[in-house]
Amino acid sequence: MKNGPFSEAGRRRRRMFLSRAHVVLAAIGTLTACFGIGIAINGGLEFNRTKVFVGVGMIAVSTILYVSMLFVSDEPD
């Protein structure tokens, strides 16, 4: 059995790494969206337009992260 990036074991390791990377990115996106919602609500209560825009920006970035993850497969062709 060959060792290296092109062997069966190497493909499994790569698939496992990409799967874990997707889970980490999903967790970061979820936390970012939660913080963004909190900042936007806090800014709205304080009538602070800058905080609202920062919160909405964080929500937009996390949404873009989720959508980009939909188009990237963790299975190699």
Protein backbone atom coordinates (compact mmCIF):
# COMPACT_ATOMS: atom_id res chain seq x y z
CA MET A 1 0.00 0.00 0.00
CA LYS A 2 1.38 3.37 -1.03
CA ASN A 3 1.58 6.28 1.34
CA GLY A 4 1.16 9.80 0.13
CA PRO A 5 -1.45 12.32 -0.94
CA PHE A 6 -2.68 10.23 -3.90
CA SER A 7 -3.18 6.94 -2.06
CA GLU A 8 -6.52 5.80 -0.68
CA ALA A 9 -5.46 6.77 2.85
CA GLY A 10 -4.43 10.21 1.62
CA ARG A 11 -7.83 10.71 -0.02
CA ARG A 12 -9.60 9.70 3.18
CA ARG A 13 -7.48 12.10 5.24
CA ARG A 14 -8.22 14.91 2.79
CA ARG A 15 -11.96 14.17 2.87
CA MET A 16 -11.91 14.11 6.68
CA PHE A 17 -10.01 17.40 6.84
CA LEU A 18 -12.41 19.12 4.43
CA SER A 19 -15.40 17.78 6.34
CA ARG A 20 -14.03 19.17 9.60
CA ALA A 21 -13.20 22.47 7.92
CA HIS A 22 -16.82 22.78 6.79
CA VAL A 23 -18.04 22.14 10.33
CA VAL A 24 -15.66 24.79 11.71
CA LEU A 25 -16.74 27.32 9.08
CA ALA A 26 -20.40 26.61 9.83
CA ALA A 27 -19.79 27.16 13.56
CA ILE A 28 -17.94 30.42 12.90
CA GLY A 29 -20.74 31.58 10.58
CA THR A 30 -23.40 30.78 13.18
CA LEU A 31 -21.57 32.62 15.94
CA THR A 32 -20.90 35.58 13.65
CA ALA A 33 -24.59 35.81 12.76
CA CYS A 34 -25.57 35.66 16.45
CA PHE A 35 -23.13 38.42 17.37
CA GLY A 36 -24.29 40.47 14.38
CA ILE A 37 -27.91 40.19 15.44
CA GLY A 38 -26.97 41.20 18.97
CA ILE A 39 -24.96 44.20 17.82
CA ALA A 40 -27.73 45.31 15.44
CA ILE A 41 -30.37 45.08 18.19
CA ASN A 42 -28.14 46.89 20.66
CA GLY A 43 -27.44 49.62 18.13
CA GLY A 44 -31.15 49.97 17.37
CA LEU A 45 -31.97 50.35 21.05
CA GLU A 46 -29.28 53.02 21.43
CA PHE A 47 -30.26 54.74 18.14
CA ASN A 48 -26.67 54.22 16.99
CA ARG A 49 -26.71 53.84 13.21
CA THR A 50 -23.06 52.72 13.05
CA LYS A 51 -23.68 49.73 15.33
CA VAL A 52 -26.71 48.73 13.29
CA PHE A 53 -24.68 48.83 10.07
CA VAL A 54 -21.87 46.80 11.65
CA GLY A 55 -24.37 44.20 12.86
CA VAL A 56 -26.05 43.97 9.46
CA GLY A 57 -22.61 43.69 7.82
CA MET A 58 -21.71 40.77 10.09
CA ILE A 59 -24.98 39.05 9.22
CA ALA A 60 -24.29 39.58 5.50
CA VAL A 61 -20.76 38.17 5.78
CA SER A 62 -21.97 35.06 7.58
CA THR A 63 -24.71 34.57 4.97
CA ILE A 64 -22.15 34.83 2.17
CA LEU A 65 -20.02 32.26 4.01
CA TYR A 66 -22.95 29.84 4.18
CA VAL A 67 -23.87 30.31 0.53
CA SER A 68 -20.28 29.81 -0.59
CA MET A 69 -20.11 26.56 1.39
CA LEU A 70 -23.06 25.25 -0.62
CA PHE A 71 -21.07 25.43 -3.85
CA VAL A 72 -17.82 23.88 -2.54
CA SER A 73 -17.92 20.11 -2.32
CA ASP A 74 -15.82 18.17 0.15
CA GLU A 75 -15.70 15.18 -2.22
CA PRO A 76 -12.83 15.23 -4.68
CA ASP A 77 -13.75 14.62 -8.32
